[in-house]
Protein backbone atom coordinates (compact mmCIF):
# COMPACT_ATOMS: atom_id res chain seq x y z
CA MET A 1 86.85 125.96 94.17
CA ARG A 2 85.26 129.39 94.40
CA GLY A 3 84.06 131.51 97.28
CA ILE A 4 85.70 130.07 100.41
CA ASN A 5 85.59 132.71 103.12
CA SER A 6 85.37 133.13 106.88
CA ARG A 7 81.58 133.09 106.77
CA THR A 8 81.65 129.67 105.06
CA ARG A 9 83.89 128.36 107.81
CA ARG A 10 81.67 129.78 110.56
CA VAL A 11 78.59 128.24 108.96
CA GLY A 12 80.41 124.89 108.90
CA ALA A 13 81.16 125.09 112.62
CA ILE A 14 77.58 126.09 113.39
CA GLY A 15 76.38 123.20 111.22
CA LEU A 16 78.43 120.78 113.28
CA ALA A 17 77.03 122.11 116.54
CA ALA A 18 73.49 121.84 115.22
CA ALA A 19 74.06 118.34 113.88
CA LEU A 20 75.46 117.07 117.16
CA ALA A 21 72.72 118.76 119.16
CA VAL A 22 70.02 116.55 117.67
CA THR A 23 69.06 113.22 119.22
CA LEU A 24 71.75 110.82 118.07
CA VAL A 25 70.44 107.48 116.91
CA PRO A 26 72.78 105.06 115.12
CA ALA A 27 71.93 104.88 111.41
CA ALA A 28 71.32 101.14 111.43
CA ALA A 29 68.99 101.36 114.42
CA ALA A 30 67.11 104.27 112.89
CA ALA A 31 66.49 102.27 109.75
CA GLY A 32 65.49 99.19 111.70
CA ARG A 33 67.99 97.06 109.77
CA PRO A 34 71.74 96.78 109.18
CA SER A 35 72.96 99.79 107.18
CA CYS A 36 76.15 100.36 105.22
CA SER A 37 75.38 103.99 104.49
CA VAL A 38 75.79 107.00 106.78
CA ALA A 39 74.89 110.63 106.12
CA VAL A 40 77.90 112.95 105.67
CA LEU A 41 77.21 116.58 106.53
CA GLY A 42 77.53 118.85 103.47
CA ALA A 43 78.51 116.11 101.02
CA GLU A 44 77.19 116.27 97.46
CA LYS A 45 77.74 112.55 96.93
CA VAL A 46 78.27 109.62 99.32
CA THR A 47 78.55 105.90 98.69
CA GLY A 48 78.77 103.46 101.59
CA VAL A 49 79.87 99.84 101.85
CA CYS A 50 80.32 97.33 104.66
CA LEU A 51 83.77 95.76 104.46
CA ALA A 52 85.28 92.77 106.22
CA ASP A 53 88.56 94.68 106.46
CA LEU A 54 88.98 98.47 106.31
CA THR A 55 92.78 98.26 106.25
CA THR A 56 94.75 98.07 103.02
CA ALA A 57 95.02 94.28 103.43
CA GLY A 58 91.32 94.24 102.56
CA THR A 59 90.71 97.42 100.57
CA VAL A 60 93.36 96.70 97.92
CA ALA A 61 91.58 93.46 97.04
CA SER A 62 88.11 95.00 97.22
CA GLY A 63 89.04 98.10 95.23
CA HIS A 64 88.38 100.57 98.04
CA THR A 65 91.79 102.22 98.01
CA ASP A 66 94.35 103.25 95.38
CA PRO A 67 97.86 101.84 95.87
CA ALA A 68 99.24 104.36 93.38
CA ASP A 69 98.23 107.12 95.79
CA TRP A 70 100.52 105.85 98.55
CA ALA A 71 103.31 104.42 96.40
CA GLY A 72 106.76 105.46 97.60
CA LEU A 73 105.66 106.65 101.02
CA GLU A 74 106.74 103.48 102.85
CA ALA A 75 109.77 101.22 102.77
CA PRO A 76 109.52 97.82 101.06
CA GLY A 77 108.53 95.10 103.48
CA THR A 78 106.54 97.37 105.80
CA VAL A 79 104.17 95.22 107.86
CA ASN A 80 100.78 96.73 108.76
CA PRO A 81 97.93 95.49 110.95
CA SER A 82 94.79 94.10 109.31
CA GLY A 83 91.40 92.58 110.03
CA VAL A 84 89.33 95.62 110.96
CA PRO A 85 85.69 95.28 109.82
CA GLY A 86 83.45 98.29 109.42
CA ILE A 87 81.93 100.80 107.03
CA GLN A 88 83.71 102.82 104.36
CA LEU A 89 82.17 106.03 103.02
CA ASP A 90 83.48 107.57 99.80
CA GLY A 91 82.19 110.83 98.42
CA TYR A 92 82.81 114.47 97.63
CA PHE A 93 81.78 117.93 98.74
CA PRO A 94 80.53 120.59 96.31
CA ASP A 95 83.44 121.96 94.28
CA THR A 96 84.14 123.42 90.84
CA SER A 97 87.53 121.83 90.08
CA THR A 98 87.90 118.40 88.52
CA THR A 99 91.48 117.15 88.87
CA ASN A 100 90.65 114.06 90.99
CA THR A 101 89.57 111.21 88.71
CA ASN A 102 89.01 108.55 91.39
CA HIS A 103 85.83 106.48 90.89
CA GLY A 104 85.40 108.17 87.50
CA TRP A 105 83.87 111.13 89.29
CA ASN A 106 86.28 113.77 87.90
CA HIS A 107 85.45 115.88 90.92
CA ASP A 108 87.66 117.42 93.58
CA SER A 109 87.10 117.56 97.33
CA GLN A 110 86.78 113.79 97.47
CA PHE A 111 87.04 112.12 100.85
CA VAL A 112 87.07 108.72 102.51
CA ILE A 113 85.68 108.01 106.00
CA ARG A 114 86.20 104.64 107.67
CA LEU A 115 84.12 103.64 110.70
CA PRO A 116 85.41 100.49 112.46
CA ALA A 117 82.93 98.10 114.03
CA LYS A 118 84.87 98.17 117.31
CA TRP A 119 85.20 101.91 117.93
CA ASN A 120 87.25 103.41 120.75
CA GLY A 121 85.44 106.76 120.57
CA GLY A 122 88.22 108.61 118.69
CA LEU A 123 88.73 110.10 115.24
CA VAL A 124 91.88 110.78 113.20
CA VAL A 125 91.74 113.19 110.24
CA ALA A 126 94.42 113.57 107.56
CA GLY A 127 95.28 115.52 104.43
CA PRO A 128 97.65 114.03 101.82
CA PRO A 129 101.26 114.96 101.08
CA GLY A 130 102.25 116.70 97.86
CA THR A 131 99.81 116.48 94.99
CA ARG A 132 98.33 113.14 96.07
CA GLU A 133 94.71 112.23 96.77
CA GLN A 134 92.56 110.96 99.62
CA TYR A 135 94.00 107.43 99.82
CA ALA A 136 97.62 108.57 100.22
CA ASN A 137 97.59 108.06 104.01
CA ASP A 138 95.96 104.62 103.99
CA ARG A 139 99.21 102.74 104.64
CA ILE A 140 101.14 105.17 106.84
CA ILE A 141 98.25 106.38 109.02
CA GLY A 142 94.94 104.66 108.27
CA ASP A 143 95.89 101.04 108.94
CA HIS A 144 97.58 101.91 112.24
CA VAL A 145 94.79 104.01 113.74
CA LEU A 146 91.97 101.78 112.49
CA ALA A 147 93.59 98.78 114.18
CA LYS A 148 93.58 100.76 117.44
CA GLY A 149 89.85 101.45 117.10
CA TYR A 150 89.88 105.02 115.78
CA ALA A 151 87.62 106.19 112.98
CA PHE A 152 89.70 107.58 110.12
CA ALA A 153 88.90 110.33 107.60
CA ALA A 154 91.04 111.68 104.76
CA THR A 155 90.63 114.33 102.06
CA ASP A 156 92.27 115.15 98.73
CA LYS A 157 92.68 118.80 99.90
CA GLY A 158 90.34 120.11 97.20
CA ASN A 159 92.84 120.12 94.32
CA THR A 160 95.38 117.55 93.16
CA GLY A 161 98.10 116.95 90.59
CA PRO A 162 100.80 119.17 89.05
CA GLU A 163 98.38 121.92 87.99
CA LEU A 164 96.66 122.54 91.32
CA TYR A 165 97.60 126.23 90.99
CA ARG A 166 94.82 126.60 88.39
CA ASP A 167 92.28 126.37 91.21
CA GLY A 168 91.08 129.65 92.71
CA ARG A 169 91.05 133.29 91.66
CA ARG A 170 94.03 134.86 93.41
CA PRO A 171 97.47 133.77 94.61
CA GLY A 172 97.26 131.38 97.52
CA ASP A 173 93.64 130.34 96.93
CA ALA A 174 94.48 126.71 96.10
CA ILE A 175 96.51 126.29 99.29
CA MET A 176 93.86 128.08 101.34
CA GLU A 177 91.36 125.56 100.04
CA TRP A 178 93.51 122.80 101.55
CA HIS A 179 92.81 124.23 104.99
CA PHE A 180 89.10 124.59 104.37
CA ARG A 181 88.74 121.03 103.10
CA VAL A 182 90.45 119.55 106.16
CA THR A 183 88.24 121.64 108.43
CA GLN A 184 85.16 120.70 106.41
CA LEU A 185 85.98 116.99 106.57
CA THR A 186 86.72 117.11 110.29
CA ILE A 187 83.29 118.58 110.94
CA ALA A 188 81.59 116.13 108.57
CA ALA A 189 83.44 113.10 109.96
CA LYS A 190 82.45 114.05 113.51
CA PHE A 191 78.84 114.18 112.36
CA ALA A 192 79.11 110.86 110.50
CA ALA A 193 80.62 109.15 113.53
CA ALA A 194 77.92 110.58 115.80
CA ARG A 195 75.20 109.50 113.41
CA HIS A 196 76.63 105.99 113.05
CA TYR A 197 77.62 105.24 116.64
CA GLY A 198 74.99 107.31 118.43
CA ARG A 199 77.55 109.50 120.16
CA ALA A 200 80.06 112.12 119.07
CA PRO A 201 83.81 111.38 119.11
CA LYS A 202 85.41 111.98 122.51
CA ARG A 203 88.79 112.75 120.94
CA THR A 204 89.83 114.04 117.52
CA TYR A 205 93.38 114.19 116.18
CA ALA A 206 94.98 115.61 113.04
CA ALA A 207 97.89 113.74 111.46
CA GLY A 208 99.92 114.03 108.28
CA THR A 209 103.25 114.15 106.49
CA SER A 210 104.87 116.84 104.31
CA ALA A 211 102.02 119.04 103.02
CA GLY A 212 99.76 116.98 105.26
CA GLY A 213 101.99 117.82 108.22
CA TYR A 214 101.74 121.50 107.36
CA LEU A 215 97.96 121.11 107.45
CA VAL A 216 98.14 119.60 110.94
CA ARG A 217 100.01 122.66 112.19
CA TRP A 218 97.58 125.02 110.48
CA GLN A 219 94.50 123.30 111.86
CA LEU A 220 95.82 123.37 115.42
CA GLU A 221 96.78 127.04 115.06
CA HIS A 222 93.47 128.19 113.53
CA TYR A 223 90.76 125.69 114.58
CA PRO A 224 91.96 124.23 117.89
CA TRP A 225 88.42 123.65 119.15
CA LEU A 226 88.00 120.91 116.53
CA TYR A 227 90.98 118.86 117.74
CA ASP A 228 92.54 117.44 120.88
CA GLY A 229 96.02 117.25 119.37
CA GLY A 230 98.05 116.48 116.27
CA VAL A 231 101.18 114.83 114.87
CA ASP A 232 103.13 116.14 111.88
CA TRP A 233 105.89 114.34 110.02
CA ASN A 234 108.39 116.41 107.98
CA GLY A 235 105.82 119.20 107.69
CA LEU A 236 106.22 122.05 105.20
CA LEU A 237 106.88 125.51 106.53
CA PHE A 238 105.76 128.78 104.94
CA THR A 239 106.79 132.08 106.53
CA PRO A 240 106.43 135.55 104.93
CA GLN A 241 110.11 136.53 105.18
CA GLY A 242 111.46 133.00 104.80
CA PRO A 243 112.36 130.31 105.17
CA ASN A 244 109.87 128.66 102.87
CA LEU A 245 110.17 126.36 99.88
CA LEU A 246 110.51 129.35 97.53
CA THR A 247 113.67 130.34 99.38
CA SER A 248 115.14 126.84 99.77
CA LEU A 249 114.45 125.16 96.40
CA PRO A 250 116.08 127.64 93.97
CA PRO A 251 119.53 127.38 95.62
CA ALA A 252 119.41 123.59 95.14
CA LEU A 253 118.36 123.99 91.51
CA ARG A 254 121.36 126.27 90.97
CA ALA A 255 123.98 124.33 92.90
CA TYR A 256 123.10 120.71 92.12
CA PRO A 257 124.04 120.74 88.40
CA ARG A 258 127.43 122.14 89.39
CA PHE A 259 127.75 119.43 92.05
CA ALA A 260 126.85 116.73 89.51
CA ALA A 261 129.51 118.14 87.19
CA GLY A 262 132.10 117.93 89.95
CA GLU A 263 132.67 121.68 90.23
CA PRO A 264 134.55 122.86 93.33
CA GLY A 265 132.42 124.52 96.00
CA ALA A 266 129.11 123.14 94.71
CA LYS A 267 128.61 120.70 97.59
CA GLU A 268 129.40 123.46 100.05
CA ALA A 269 126.76 125.63 98.36
CA MET A 270 124.18 122.87 98.78
CA VAL A 271 125.03 122.49 102.45
CA ALA A 272 124.91 126.27 102.97
CA ALA A 273 121.39 126.23 101.48
CA GLY A 274 120.31 123.74 104.15
CA TYR A 275 120.76 120.41 102.36
CA PRO A 276 122.50 117.93 104.69
CA ALA A 277 125.84 116.73 103.34
CA GLU A 278 124.95 113.16 104.42
CA SER A 279 121.94 113.24 102.09
CA ALA A 280 124.04 113.84 98.96
CA PRO A 281 123.34 110.36 97.52
CA VAL A 282 119.62 111.22 97.18
CA TRP A 283 120.13 114.66 95.62
CA ALA A 284 120.00 113.27 92.07
CA PHE A 285 116.60 111.73 92.79
CA HIS A 286 115.20 114.97 94.22
CA HIS A 287 116.62 117.02 91.35
CA ARG A 288 115.07 114.67 88.81
CA THR A 289 111.63 114.32 90.39
CA GLN A 290 110.85 116.97 93.02
CA TRP A 291 112.86 120.17 93.44
CA ASP A 292 112.02 121.64 90.05
CA LEU A 293 108.42 120.41 90.00
CA PHE A 294 107.50 121.72 93.45
CA GLN A 295 109.32 125.01 92.93
CA ARG A 296 107.29 125.71 89.81
CA ILE A 297 103.95 124.54 91.26
CA LEU A 298 104.28 126.59 94.44
CA ARG A 299 105.76 129.60 92.71
CA GLU A 300 102.93 129.62 90.15
CA GLU A 301 100.42 129.37 93.00
CA LEU A 302 101.91 132.24 95.02
CA ASP A 303 103.70 134.33 92.39
CA PRO A 304 102.08 133.71 88.98
CA ASP A 305 103.34 136.98 87.45
CA TYR A 306 106.99 135.94 87.71
CA ASP A 307 106.90 134.13 84.37
CA GLY A 308 104.17 136.18 82.70
CA ASP A 309 101.54 134.11 80.94
CA THR A 310 103.60 130.92 81.08
CA GLN A 311 101.96 128.32 83.32
CA ALA A 312 104.37 127.07 86.01
CA GLY A 313 107.54 128.12 84.30
CA THR A 314 110.00 126.25 82.13
CA PRO A 315 111.02 122.81 83.40
CA PHE A 316 114.70 122.52 84.32
CA CYS A 317 115.72 125.87 82.88
CA ALA A 318 119.45 126.40 83.28
CA GLU A 319 120.83 128.93 85.72
CA GLY A 320 121.17 132.39 84.18
CA THR A 321 118.93 131.75 81.16
CA GLY A 322 116.83 134.84 81.63
CA PRO A 323 113.56 136.18 83.08
CA GLY A 324 111.00 133.68 84.24
CA CYS A 325 113.50 130.89 84.99
CA ASP A 326 112.60 129.32 88.33
CA THR A 327 116.19 128.28 88.91
CA ASP A 328 117.03 131.99 89.23
CA TYR A 329 114.02 132.81 91.39
CA ASP A 330 114.80 135.24 94.22
CA TYR A 331 111.88 135.42 96.65
CA ALA A 332 113.42 138.26 98.66
CA ARG A 333 113.36 140.55 95.60
CA ARG A 334 109.78 139.81 94.61
CA PRO A 335 107.07 142.49 95.05
CA ALA A 336 105.16 143.03 98.29
CA GLU A 337 102.05 141.32 96.90
CA VAL A 338 104.03 138.05 96.60
CA HIS A 339 105.02 138.25 100.25
CA ASP A 340 101.39 139.05 101.08
CA ALA A 341 100.30 135.89 99.28
CA MET A 342 102.87 133.92 101.25
CA ARG A 343 101.62 135.53 104.45
CA ARG A 344 98.11 134.16 103.74
CA VAL A 345 99.39 130.59 103.94
CA SER A 346 102.10 131.05 106.57
CA LEU A 347 102.32 129.40 109.97
CA THR A 348 102.77 131.31 113.21
CA GLY A 349 103.60 128.66 115.82
CA LYS A 350 100.72 129.82 118.04
CA LEU A 351 99.41 126.60 119.55
CA THR A 352 96.67 125.98 122.06
CA ARG A 353 96.55 122.20 121.52
CA PRO A 354 99.38 119.67 121.90
CA LEU A 355 101.46 118.94 118.80
CA ILE A 356 104.22 116.40 118.20
CA THR A 357 106.60 116.97 115.29
CA VAL A 358 108.96 114.32 113.91
CA HIS A 359 111.44 115.24 111.18
CA GLY A 360 114.32 113.38 109.55
CA THR A 361 117.75 114.99 109.49
CA TYR A 362 118.44 113.57 105.99
CA ASP A 363 115.32 115.17 104.51
CA ALA A 364 116.50 116.70 101.22
CA LEU A 365 113.15 118.10 100.10
CA VAL A 366 111.81 119.88 103.18
CA THR A 367 115.17 120.40 104.84
CA ILE A 368 115.03 120.23 108.62
CA SER A 369 117.09 123.37 109.29
CA ARG A 370 114.77 125.44 107.08
CA SER A 371 111.50 123.97 108.33
CA SER A 372 110.88 122.07 111.58
CA ASP A 373 113.88 123.58 113.39
CA VAL A 374 112.40 126.99 112.62
CA TYR A 375 108.84 125.96 113.49
CA ALA A 376 110.00 124.67 116.87
CA GLU A 377 111.44 128.12 117.58
CA LEU A 378 108.18 129.76 116.49
CA ALA A 379 106.11 127.45 118.68
CA ASN A 380 108.39 127.50 121.74
CA ASP A 381 105.48 126.09 123.70
CA ALA A 382 105.06 123.45 126.39
CA ARG A 383 102.37 121.93 124.20
CA HIS A 384 104.93 121.16 121.46
CA ARG A 385 107.29 118.19 121.35
CA TYR A 386 109.88 118.04 118.59
CA TYR A 387 111.86 114.91 117.75
CA ARG A 388 114.69 115.19 115.23
CA VAL A 389 115.26 111.72 113.79
CA GLU A 390 118.88 111.18 112.81
CA GLY A 391 119.04 109.68 109.33
CA GLY A 392 115.36 110.04 108.43
CA HIS A 393 114.47 110.89 104.81
CA HIS A 394 111.48 112.84 103.51
CA THR A 395 109.70 109.58 102.64
CA ASP A 396 110.45 106.01 103.63
CA GLY A 397 110.50 105.02 99.98
CA LEU A 398 113.95 106.63 99.86
CA ALA A 399 115.06 104.53 102.82
CA GLY A 400 114.07 101.50 100.75
CA ALA A 401 115.83 102.75 97.62
CA PHE A 402 118.99 103.59 99.61
CA PRO A 403 119.06 100.82 102.24
CA THR A 404 122.52 101.70 103.55
CA LEU A 405 121.70 105.40 103.93
CA GLY A 406 119.66 106.52 106.91
CA ARG A 407 116.60 104.90 108.45
CA THR A 408 112.84 104.58 108.09
CA MET A 409 110.61 107.20 109.72
CA LEU A 410 107.32 105.30 109.96
CA PRO A 411 108.10 103.75 113.39
CA CYS A 412 108.87 107.27 114.68
CA PHE A 413 105.63 108.64 113.30
CA ARG A 414 103.51 105.82 114.68
CA GLY A 415 105.29 106.12 118.02
CA ALA A 416 104.47 109.81 118.01
CA LEU A 417 100.81 109.06 117.27
CA ASP A 418 100.69 106.68 120.22
CA ALA A 419 102.50 109.20 122.42
CA MET A 420 99.99 111.88 121.46
CA THR A 421 96.97 109.76 122.35
CA ALA A 422 98.58 108.80 125.66
CA TRP A 423 99.29 112.49 126.35
CA VAL A 424 95.71 113.55 125.70
CA GLU A 425 93.78 110.52 126.94
CA ARG A 426 95.87 109.42 129.93
CA GLY A 427 97.83 112.54 130.78
CA THR A 428 101.16 110.84 130.10
CA ALA A 429 103.38 113.62 128.81
CA PRO A 430 105.96 112.57 126.16
CA PRO A 431 109.69 113.01 126.84
CA PRO A 432 111.18 116.45 126.21
CA SER A 433 112.07 117.41 122.65
CA ARG A 434 115.31 115.80 121.51
CA THR A 435 117.33 114.29 118.68
CA ILE A 436 116.90 110.52 118.35
CA PRO A 437 120.35 109.22 117.37
CA ALA A 438 120.91 106.67 114.62
CA GLY A 439 120.71 103.15 116.01
CA VAL A 440 118.38 104.13 118.84
CA THR A 441 114.87 102.68 118.84
CA CYS A 442 112.67 105.17 117.06
CA ALA A 443 110.07 106.12 119.62
CA PRO A 444 109.66 109.44 121.42
């Protein structure tokens, strides 16, 4: 996308205020007949459909979700609620990038908005983890909140896939677009709900995991007036001086091959870099599928000059093989402009809305000691609750693949969502921040 700036964001906020200031008449009533289409503020394209079930129990069969988008995020056998009728809106906002191929649109900034027939007056907004798209949260967030009566909206963040760094003009632009797209969708979903139900949402929450959790933190720090609270699960952390993923991934890329070869001191090097010793059985998986990929994607986005004209480095380059090898990347030694790019996307911990963070101690991608532990210190606020979940992995798919190692995180996340709504809507403050030991029921 091109041209996102502060003026664009201000215009979006003003647009919301203007939209909600008009006389609100439900779309069906205005048309004088049942309607399955609702206007979405700022959207270039919208398609609407009335569904007997907005949860994945219905949308998988009807083709209104993409199971590939949420594959691996939940443990096998996860049971979700179902039977929530309502309207689903799919569409996209104006954008110039084309990495999202859903619906054959080949257009980024796609979104989904679900409006349940029995609405409780609330709205939950989510961005996806990693390089996934707008349906990624359907199982872990959407089904749960829809069954409780909340409207649900999700975005693809404006760029997807392993080449998202191609979007934008300068370092950090692609990530900055993530923030804008969540803000844009929040405003548009508020308008759509008001248009459909005849009244604006009373409460709005942000929720997400991994990169989506990072977006929750960012939204509450920068646009608190749009939200009443948020919940983040294993959220990413970017800080200008570190820690950030560009300081924590290269040490793993260097030490893991030595660990796999049985070299003395390699496991200790992994642990010293923040990777929990108990998570060692999943290191091979992360080395094969995630550490190298995400190091190169994020480094290319924030520090494209490191490897010259090469796009996102050389996959799995061996330690010490020369300039441009991401395994040897040293963020601390990079030029000031790289740290400036990181500063653009960094979190501060300055909260004016309540936030609940849950993070697994076995997370071997976004390691807890280099992310949420640090964010909790930055926040240091009565509005923040932080629950360290002993044995939790980065995704519950790993709990399914390694059934004797650790525990699932989804019950913790859903418990945190419920605790957040009780905090905001009933004034029931959650327990103080703590570590939830293995074997203890996973609820704040």
